[in-house]
Amino acid sequence: MLGAHGRSITRALFTPLARLLARRGVTPDAVTIAGTVVSIGTAVVALPLGWVWQGALVLAVVLFLDSVDGTLARMTTGGTPFGAFLDSTLDRLSDGAVFASLTAFAVFSMSEGPARTAAIIAGLVAVVGAATVPYARARAESVGVSAAVGIAERTDRLVVALTGAFLADVGLSDWFVAVGLIWVAFASLVTVVQRIAVTARELGR
C-alpha cells in the first residue's frame, strides 16, 4: 500500500542523487550493500540498547532511500538478475534485524506487563513473517504465478512498527510498541494466506 504509492515519488526525488552516484562510478550493488549495513547496524545496536527514537529516525531515512539503488540500476546497467537477487536477499536480512531488535527492546527495556508480553509474542511472529511474506511471493513466481498481493507490503510493515516504537520512546504508552508489532504480525499472516489463496486459484485453472 504505502510502498506501491510511494515508489514513483521516491524515484522522482532521488533521481538527481542517482545521477550523481552514476557519474562517480558508484554501482547499484554497492548502494544496496551500504544501505543493508547501515540498517542492520542501526537496528542491532540502537534498538535493543534503548536508543529507539534515534534508531527509528535513521532507519526511516534508509527506508526512504531504498529506491536509490533501483533508480541507479535503471540509469546504468538497466538492472541485472543478480542485482535484483541481491536487493531482495539483503532486504530480508534488514527486515529480520529490525523486527528482532524491536523484540529485544521489548524483552530488555519494557516494563513487565501485558504490553511487554504482547510485544514479545507479536515481535517473534513478525520476524517469521518478514521471511515468509516475500518467500510466498517468490515461490509462487517459481511456479508461474504472480502473487503480488497482500494487505501490507514491506514498507507498510516497517513504517508501522518503527512508528509505534518511536511514539513509545518519546513518552507515550508502551502499548504503541505492542500494537505496532501486533499489526505487523497480523498483516504478515493475512498476506501469506492471500498469496497462498491466489496461487492455489491460479494453479487450479
C-alpha atoms as a PDB file:
ATOM      1  CA  MET A   1       0.000   0.000   0.000  1.00  0.00           C
ATOM      2  CA  LEU A   2       2.465   2.670   1.128  1.00  0.00           C
ATOM      3  CA  GLY A   3       5.181   1.044  -0.936  1.00  0.00           C
ATOM      4  CA  ALA A   4       3.092   0.946  -4.096  1.00  0.00           C
ATOM      5  CA  HIS A   5       2.061   4.593  -3.872  1.00  0.00           C
ATOM      6  CA  GLY A   6       5.406   5.862  -2.681  1.00  0.00           C
ATOM      7  CA  ARG A   7       7.762   4.344  -5.260  1.00  0.00           C
ATOM      8  CA  SER A   8       7.014   6.863  -8.003  1.00  0.00           C
ATOM      9  CA  ILE A   9       7.505   9.727  -5.537  1.00  0.00           C
ATOM     10  CA  THR A  10      10.813   8.446  -4.188  1.00  0.00           C
ATOM     11  CA  ARG A  11      12.096   7.716  -7.691  1.00  0.00           C
ATOM     12  CA  ALA A  12      11.387  11.295  -8.711  1.00  0.00           C
ATOM     13  CA  LEU A  13      13.000  12.688  -5.566  1.00  0.00           C
ATOM     14  CA  PHE A  14      16.157  10.600  -5.758  1.00  0.00           C
ATOM     15  CA  THR A  15      16.804  10.645  -9.500  1.00  0.00           C
ATOM     16  CA  PRO A  16      19.280  13.577  -9.069  1.00  0.00           C
ATOM     17  CA  LEU A  17      21.128  11.647  -6.333  1.00  0.00           C
ATOM     18  CA  ALA A  18      21.221   8.547  -8.537  1.00  0.00           C
ATOM     19  CA  ARG A  19      22.662  10.614 -11.400  1.00  0.00           C
ATOM     20  CA  LEU A  20      25.379  11.952  -9.092  1.00  0.00           C
ATOM     21  CA  LEU A  21      26.280   8.440  -7.931  1.00  0.00           C
ATOM     22  CA  ALA A  22      26.343   7.212 -11.534  1.00  0.00           C
ATOM     23  CA  ARG A  23      28.775   9.975 -12.528  1.00  0.00           C
ATOM     24  CA  ARG A  24      31.040   8.987  -9.644  1.00  0.00           C
ATOM     25  CA  GLY A  25      31.046   5.336 -10.673  1.00  0.00           C
ATOM     26  CA  VAL A  26      29.084   4.009  -7.700  1.00  0.00           C
ATOM     27  CA  THR A  27      27.335   0.748  -8.557  1.00  0.00           C
ATOM     28  CA  PRO A  28      23.759  -0.173  -7.611  1.00  0.00           C
ATOM     29  CA  ASP A  29      25.027  -3.229  -5.723  1.00  0.00           C
ATOM     30  CA  ALA A  30      27.310  -1.016  -3.624  1.00  0.00           C
ATOM     31  CA  VAL A  31      24.340   1.177  -2.674  1.00  0.00           C
ATOM     32  CA  THR A  32      22.295  -1.908  -1.777  1.00  0.00           C
ATOM     33  CA  ILE A  33      25.062  -3.310   0.429  1.00  0.00           C
ATOM     34  CA  ALA A  34      25.716   0.036   2.126  1.00  0.00           C
ATOM     35  CA  GLY A  35      22.030   0.504   2.942  1.00  0.00           C
ATOM     36  CA  THR A  36      21.839  -3.003   4.390  1.00  0.00           C
ATOM     37  CA  VAL A  37      24.916  -2.496   6.567  1.00  0.00           C
ATOM     38  CA  VAL A  38      23.512   0.766   7.952  1.00  0.00           C
ATOM     39  CA  SER A  39      20.082  -0.791   8.551  1.00  0.00           C
ATOM     40  CA  ILE A  40      21.378  -3.865  10.354  1.00  0.00           C
ATOM     41  CA  GLY A  41      23.990  -1.918  12.322  1.00  0.00           C
ATOM     42  CA  THR A  42      21.444   0.658  13.461  1.00  0.00           C
ATOM     43  CA  ALA A  43      18.832  -1.955  14.327  1.00  0.00           C
ATOM     44  CA  VAL A  44      21.030  -4.300  16.356  1.00  0.00           C
ATOM     45  CA  VAL A  45      22.902  -1.528  18.191  1.00  0.00           C
ATOM     46  CA  ALA A  46      20.361   1.256  18.739  1.00  0.00           C
ATOM     47  CA  LEU A  47      17.058  -0.512  19.332  1.00  0.00           C
ATOM     48  CA  PRO A  48      17.991  -3.161  21.945  1.00  0.00           C
ATOM     49  CA  LEU A  49      20.000  -0.566  23.914  1.00  0.00           C
ATOM     50  CA  GLY A  50      17.010   1.742  24.171  1.00  0.00           C
ATOM     51  CA  TRP A  51      18.019   4.395  21.607  1.00  0.00           C
ATOM     52  CA  VAL A  52      14.723   3.802  19.916  1.00  0.00           C
ATOM     53  CA  TRP A  53      13.673   7.171  18.524  1.00  0.00           C
ATOM     54  CA  GLN A  54      17.186   7.801  17.220  1.00  0.00           C
ATOM     55  CA  GLY A  55      17.339   4.372  15.602  1.00  0.00           C
ATOM     56  CA  ALA A  56      13.833   4.722  14.192  1.00  0.00           C
ATOM     57  CA  LEU A  57      14.749   8.019  12.510  1.00  0.00           C
ATOM     58  CA  VAL A  58      17.902   6.583  10.940  1.00  0.00           C
ATOM     59  CA  LEU A  59      16.017   3.519   9.724  1.00  0.00           C
ATOM     60  CA  ALA A  60      13.250   5.716   8.324  1.00  0.00           C
ATOM     61  CA  VAL A  61      15.818   7.657   6.282  1.00  0.00           C
ATOM     62  CA  VAL A  62      17.411   4.443   4.995  1.00  0.00           C
ATOM     63  CA  LEU A  63      13.969   3.078   4.114  1.00  0.00           C
ATOM     64  CA  PHE A  64      13.151   6.297   2.274  1.00  0.00           C
ATOM     65  CA  LEU A  65      16.402   5.978   0.320  1.00  0.00           C
ATOM     66  CA  ASP A  66      15.657   2.356  -0.542  1.00  0.00           C
ATOM     67  CA  SER A  67      14.712   3.133  -4.143  1.00  0.00           C
ATOM     68  CA  VAL A  68      18.042   4.812  -4.953  1.00  0.00           C
ATOM     69  CA  ASP A  69      19.722   1.542  -5.971  1.00  0.00           C
ATOM     70  CA  GLY A  70      16.864   0.674  -8.312  1.00  0.00           C
ATOM     71  CA  THR A  71      16.895   4.131  -9.887  1.00  0.00           C
ATOM     72  CA  LEU A  72      20.667   3.935 -10.257  1.00  0.00           C
ATOM     73  CA  ALA A  73      20.398   0.483 -11.854  1.00  0.00           C
ATOM     74  CA  ARG A  74      17.957   1.743 -14.459  1.00  0.00           C
ATOM     75  CA  MET A  75      20.355   4.580 -15.295  1.00  0.00           C
ATOM     76  CA  THR A  76      23.446   2.388 -15.602  1.00  0.00           C
ATOM     77  CA  THR A  77      23.082  -1.354 -16.138  1.00  0.00           C
ATOM     78  CA  GLY A  78      19.342  -1.322 -16.720  1.00  0.00           C
ATOM     79  CA  GLY A  79      19.063  -3.762 -13.843  1.00  0.00           C
ATOM     80  CA  THR A  80      20.591  -7.221 -13.642  1.00  0.00           C
ATOM     81  CA  PRO A  81      19.211 -10.541 -12.365  1.00  0.00           C
ATOM     82  CA  PHE A  82      21.963 -10.657  -9.734  1.00  0.00           C
ATOM     83  CA  GLY A  83      21.180  -7.108  -8.623  1.00  0.00           C
ATOM     84  CA  ALA A  84      17.521  -7.992  -8.131  1.00  0.00           C
ATOM     85  CA  PHE A  85      18.510 -11.158  -6.248  1.00  0.00           C
ATOM     86  CA  LEU A  86      20.958  -9.263  -4.025  1.00  0.00           C
ATOM     87  CA  ASP A  87      18.479  -6.496  -3.226  1.00  0.00           C
ATOM     88  CA  SER A  88      15.724  -8.940  -2.298  1.00  0.00           C
ATOM     89  CA  THR A  89      18.016 -11.123  -0.215  1.00  0.00           C
ATOM     90  CA  LEU A  90      19.558  -8.253   1.739  1.00  0.00           C
ATOM     91  CA  ASP A  91      16.117  -6.747   2.356  1.00  0.00           C
ATOM     92  CA  ARG A  92      15.225  -9.936   4.209  1.00  0.00           C
ATOM     93  CA  LEU A  93      18.289  -9.524   6.445  1.00  0.00           C
ATOM     94  CA  SER A  94      17.415  -5.897   7.166  1.00  0.00           C
ATOM     95  CA  ASP A  95      13.791  -6.663   7.961  1.00  0.00           C
ATOM     96  CA  GLY A  96      14.707  -9.551  10.231  1.00  0.00           C
ATOM     97  CA  ALA A  97      17.215  -7.368  12.072  1.00  0.00           C
ATOM     98  CA  VAL A  98      14.652  -4.605  12.641  1.00  0.00           C
ATOM     99  CA  PHE A  99      11.876  -6.854  13.967  1.00  0.00           C
ATOM    100  CA  ALA A 100      14.255  -8.966  16.041  1.00  0.00           C
ATOM    101  CA  SER A 101      15.768  -5.808  17.546  1.00  0.00           C
ATOM    102  CA  LEU A 102      12.341  -4.392  18.385  1.00  0.00           C
ATOM    103  CA  THR A 103      11.544  -7.698  20.089  1.00  0.00           C
ATOM    104  CA  ALA A 104      14.815  -7.446  22.018  1.00  0.00           C
ATOM    105  CA  PHE A 105      13.847  -3.919  23.060  1.00  0.00           C
ATOM    106  CA  ALA A 106      10.575  -5.287  24.426  1.00  0.00           C
ATOM    107  CA  VAL A 107      12.447  -8.003  26.334  1.00  0.00           C
ATOM    108  CA  PHE A 108      15.152  -5.808  27.849  1.00  0.00           C
ATOM    109  CA  SER A 109      13.608  -2.345  28.155  1.00  0.00           C
ATOM    110  CA  MET A 110       9.846  -2.564  28.571  1.00  0.00           C
ATOM    111  CA  SER A 111       8.243  -2.898  31.996  1.00  0.00           C
ATOM    112  CA  GLU A 112       6.652  -6.220  32.842  1.00  0.00           C
ATOM    113  CA  GLY A 113       3.003  -6.380  31.971  1.00  0.00           C
ATOM    114  CA  PRO A 114       0.523  -7.195  29.204  1.00  0.00           C
ATOM    115  CA  ALA A 115       2.041  -4.702  26.747  1.00  0.00           C
ATOM    116  CA  ARG A 116       5.503  -6.263  27.077  1.00  0.00           C
ATOM    117  CA  THR A 117       4.139  -9.801  26.722  1.00  0.00           C
ATOM    118  CA  ALA A 118       2.094  -8.854  23.658  1.00  0.00           C
ATOM    119  CA  ALA A 119       5.051  -7.061  22.073  1.00  0.00           C
ATOM    120  CA  ILE A 120       7.365 -10.052  22.543  1.00  0.00           C
ATOM    121  CA  ILE A 121       4.887 -12.549  21.084  1.00  0.00           C
ATOM    122  CA  ALA A 122       3.968 -10.289  18.170  1.00  0.00           C
ATOM    123  CA  GLY A 123       7.635  -9.478  17.554  1.00  0.00           C
ATOM    124  CA  LEU A 124       8.505 -13.151  17.198  1.00  0.00           C
ATOM    125  CA  VAL A 125       5.657 -13.621  14.720  1.00  0.00           C
ATOM    126  CA  ALA A 126       6.803 -10.503  12.837  1.00  0.00           C
ATOM    127  CA  VAL A 127      10.322 -11.940  12.493  1.00  0.00           C
ATOM    128  CA  VAL A 128       8.887 -15.095  10.923  1.00  0.00           C
ATOM    129  CA  GLY A 129       6.587 -13.011   8.736  1.00  0.00           C
ATOM    130  CA  ALA A 130       9.498 -10.897   7.479  1.00  0.00           C
ATOM    131  CA  ALA A 131      10.865 -14.012   5.785  1.00  0.00           C
ATOM    132  CA  THR A 132       7.625 -15.819   4.926  1.00  0.00           C
ATOM    133  CA  VAL A 133       5.780 -12.978   3.148  1.00  0.00           C
ATOM    134  CA  PRO A 134       8.410 -12.487   0.402  1.00  0.00           C
ATOM    135  CA  TYR A 135       9.112 -16.227   0.261  1.00  0.00           C
ATOM    136  CA  ALA A 136       5.451 -16.915  -0.566  1.00  0.00           C
ATOM    137  CA  ARG A 137       5.629 -14.474  -3.475  1.00  0.00           C
ATOM    138  CA  ALA A 138       8.960 -15.805  -4.743  1.00  0.00           C
ATOM    139  CA  ARG A 139       7.802 -19.416  -4.508  1.00  0.00           C
ATOM    140  CA  ALA A 140       4.598 -18.564  -6.366  1.00  0.00           C
ATOM    141  CA  GLU A 141       6.592 -16.896  -9.129  1.00  0.00           C
ATOM    142  CA  SER A 142       8.775 -20.004  -9.405  1.00  0.00           C
ATOM    143  CA  VAL A 143       5.676 -21.967 -10.464  1.00  0.00           C
ATOM    144  CA  GLY A 144       4.479 -19.279 -12.836  1.00  0.00           C
ATOM    145  CA  VAL A 145       2.050 -17.345 -10.630  1.00  0.00           C
ATOM    146  CA  SER A 146       2.215 -13.634  -9.826  1.00  0.00           C
ATOM    147  CA  ALA A 147       1.240 -13.365  -6.160  1.00  0.00           C
ATOM    148  CA  ALA A 148       1.988  -9.675  -5.657  1.00  0.00           C
ATOM    149  CA  VAL A 149      -0.997  -9.259  -3.350  1.00  0.00           C
ATOM    150  CA  GLY A 150      -1.438  -8.594   0.337  1.00  0.00           C
ATOM    151  CA  ILE A 151      -2.679  -6.013   2.815  1.00  0.00           C
ATOM    152  CA  ALA A 152       0.832  -4.964   3.818  1.00  0.00           C
ATOM    153  CA  GLU A 153       3.993  -4.611   1.774  1.00  0.00           C
ATOM    154  CA  ARG A 154       7.470  -4.343   3.262  1.00  0.00           C
ATOM    155  CA  THR A 155       7.290  -0.562   3.605  1.00  0.00           C
ATOM    156  CA  ASP A 156       3.950  -0.707   5.419  1.00  0.00           C
ATOM    157  CA  ARG A 157       5.195  -3.196   7.981  1.00  0.00           C
ATOM    158  CA  LEU A 158       8.413  -1.317   8.718  1.00  0.00           C
ATOM    159  CA  VAL A 159       6.738   2.094   8.947  1.00  0.00           C
ATOM    160  CA  VAL A 160       4.047   0.885  11.354  1.00  0.00           C
ATOM    161  CA  ALA A 161       6.489  -0.974  13.612  1.00  0.00           C
ATOM    162  CA  LEU A 162       9.026   1.863  13.753  1.00  0.00           C
ATOM    163  CA  THR A 163       6.331   4.498  14.299  1.00  0.00           C
ATOM    164  CA  GLY A 164       4.943   2.545  17.247  1.00  0.00           C
ATOM    165  CA  ALA A 165       8.403   2.229  18.780  1.00  0.00           C
ATOM    166  CA  PHE A 166       9.116   5.915  18.205  1.00  0.00           C
ATOM    167  CA  LEU A 167       5.876   7.021  19.904  1.00  0.00           C
ATOM    168  CA  ALA A 168       6.513   4.799  22.900  1.00  0.00           C
ATOM    169  CA  ASP A 169      10.088   6.021  23.283  1.00  0.00           C
ATOM    170  CA  VAL A 170       9.139   9.726  23.289  1.00  0.00           C
ATOM    171  CA  GLY A 171       6.961   9.191  26.330  1.00  0.00           C
ATOM    172  CA  LEU A 172       3.690   7.705  25.180  1.00  0.00           C
ATOM    173  CA  SER A 173       2.380   4.300  26.211  1.00  0.00           C
ATOM    174  CA  ASP A 174       4.371   1.081  25.755  1.00  0.00           C
ATOM    175  CA  TRP A 175       1.257  -0.195  24.040  1.00  0.00           C
ATOM    176  CA  PHE A 176       2.325   1.683  20.919  1.00  0.00           C
ATOM    177  CA  VAL A 177       5.211  -0.798  20.533  1.00  0.00           C
ATOM    178  CA  ALA A 178       2.896  -3.718  21.147  1.00  0.00           C
ATOM    179  CA  VAL A 179       0.138  -2.514  18.817  1.00  0.00           C
ATOM    180  CA  GLY A 180       2.641  -1.770  16.042  1.00  0.00           C
ATOM    181  CA  LEU A 181       4.109  -5.254  16.237  1.00  0.00           C
ATOM    182  CA  ILE A 182       0.669  -6.862  16.599  1.00  0.00           C
ATOM    183  CA  TRP A 183      -0.443  -5.147  13.392  1.00  0.00           C
ATOM    184  CA  VAL A 184       2.720  -6.298  11.596  1.00  0.00           C
ATOM    185  CA  ALA A 185       2.242  -9.881  12.799  1.00  0.00           C
ATOM    186  CA  PHE A 186      -1.435  -9.903  11.787  1.00  0.00           C
ATOM    187  CA  ALA A 187      -0.813  -8.257   8.414  1.00  0.00           C
ATOM    188  CA  SER A 188       2.025 -10.681   7.664  1.00  0.00           C
ATOM    189  CA  LEU A 189      -0.132 -13.723   8.356  1.00  0.00           C
ATOM    190  CA  VAL A 190      -3.022 -12.335   6.292  1.00  0.00           C
ATOM    191  CA  THR A 191      -0.689 -11.512   3.398  1.00  0.00           C
ATOM    192  CA  VAL A 192       0.746 -15.035   3.400  1.00  0.00           C
ATOM    193  CA  VAL A 193      -2.781 -16.507   3.346  1.00  0.00           C
ATOM    194  CA  GLN A 194      -3.752 -14.163   0.493  1.00  0.00           C
ATOM    195  CA  ARG A 195      -0.744 -15.237  -1.551  1.00  0.00           C
ATOM    196  CA  ILE A 196      -1.440 -18.909  -0.907  1.00  0.00           C
ATOM    197  CA  ALA A 197      -5.055 -18.423  -1.982  1.00  0.00           C
ATOM    198  CA  VAL A 198      -4.069 -16.608  -5.186  1.00  0.00           C
ATOM    199  CA  THR A 199      -1.523 -19.299  -6.042  1.00  0.00           C
ATOM    200  CA  ALA A 200      -3.998 -22.113  -5.391  1.00  0.00           C
ATOM    201  CA  ARG A 201      -6.638 -20.411  -7.563  1.00  0.00           C
ATOM    202  CA  GLU A 202      -4.250 -19.720 -10.450  1.00  0.00           C
ATOM    203  CA  LEU A 203      -2.772 -23.221 -10.421  1.00  0.00           C
ATOM    204  CA  GLY A 204      -6.277 -24.679 -10.205  1.00  0.00           C
ATOM    205  CA  ARG A 205      -7.074 -23.060 -13.527  1.00  0.00           C
END
